Amino acid sequence: MPAPDAVYGSPPPDLVEVAADAAQLSPLIPGSVRLEDLDAGSLDRVVMVAPAGTLERRYALSLSLRALRPGGRLTAMAPKDRGGARLGRELKAFGCEPAEIAKRHHRICDVARPPSLMALDEVIRDGAPRHIDNLALCTQPGVFSWDRLDPGTALLLAHLPALSGRGADFGCGIGVLARAVLASPAVTAMTLVDIDRRAVEMARRNVADPRADIRWADIRAADSTPDRLDFVVMNPPFHDGSVEDQALGQVFIRRAAEALRPGGTLWLTANAHLPYEAPLKGAFKSATLVASSGGYKIYEARK
């Protein structure tokens, strides 16, 4: 019996056909198969929307090639300005001979996995989790702000009071905000939620606290968080892939309002240009601008 097909991400259907039963491999889709755990030579085909970041993209390509049987096919694609222009060269560096076409602003490379591959171990090591000194935390390329403290998070940390009761961190990343919140002994429980499996894995390493419940989930799902919380902290995303999507942050705000008890508090950090004032005022009894600096703003909203 042939090994199964797999897909990484959500390829545009007009660019490539994907088997209906293909296993999903993307770390940004909760419930997906963990690419790192696949046995070498266990797949017949992989279709991939290649990540934009160089280390992340080469890591995903190398793991996919390792998982393919010799002669198995990899179809990788990316917008030309988000890694697509480099795909062919990167695949050749692994010892592949890709056929490359351009279509709808994408570069698409199709390649048969050769009997032997080059540089896999080095590339996998470069994209793997690691501890970095400037954060003093475990992190991984591809995770939001993986190698530095995000300025919006830093501004929120500078203004966040000691919190108490049951709370949550929506879009927890590697756990920077949660670690600060859990420094308060008055916090009784905290749910950390992120759509990125890699961030969740790093948060589980970084937040070694029995009060923390860390979940790989899409915050837009109704069952992703507990309800009647005393507080929520968040630095919500505002990109869907490479496209700015302000609706994402607005969904986070609505979900926070749904999860909080009456009188509960949301602490939010965001880029200054994002128009979150209207959804905050629509979902909360009050919303106060606490700080604005360096292109970021902090709001405290009370339900």
Foldseek 3Di string as FASTA:
>chain_A
DAAAEAEEDDDDCVVDPDDPPHFYDHLLAPPGDPLQPAAFQRHQEYEYAAALDPLRRLLVVLSVLRNHHQQRKYKYKYQCNRCQVCVQVSCVQQVWHWDWDDDPRMIITMTGRHNHTPDSVVSNVSFDWDQDDQVRFIFGPPFVVGPHDDPLVVVLLVPPDADAEEEEEEQCFLNPVVVSNVVRPRHQAYEYEHSRNRRLVRNCVGDVDPRYHYDNDDLLDLPRDAAQTQEYEYAWDQDDRPRGHLVRVLSVLQSRLRRHRQFHKYKYKYFPPRPCPVSLVVRAVDKDFPDDDDRMTIIIGGD
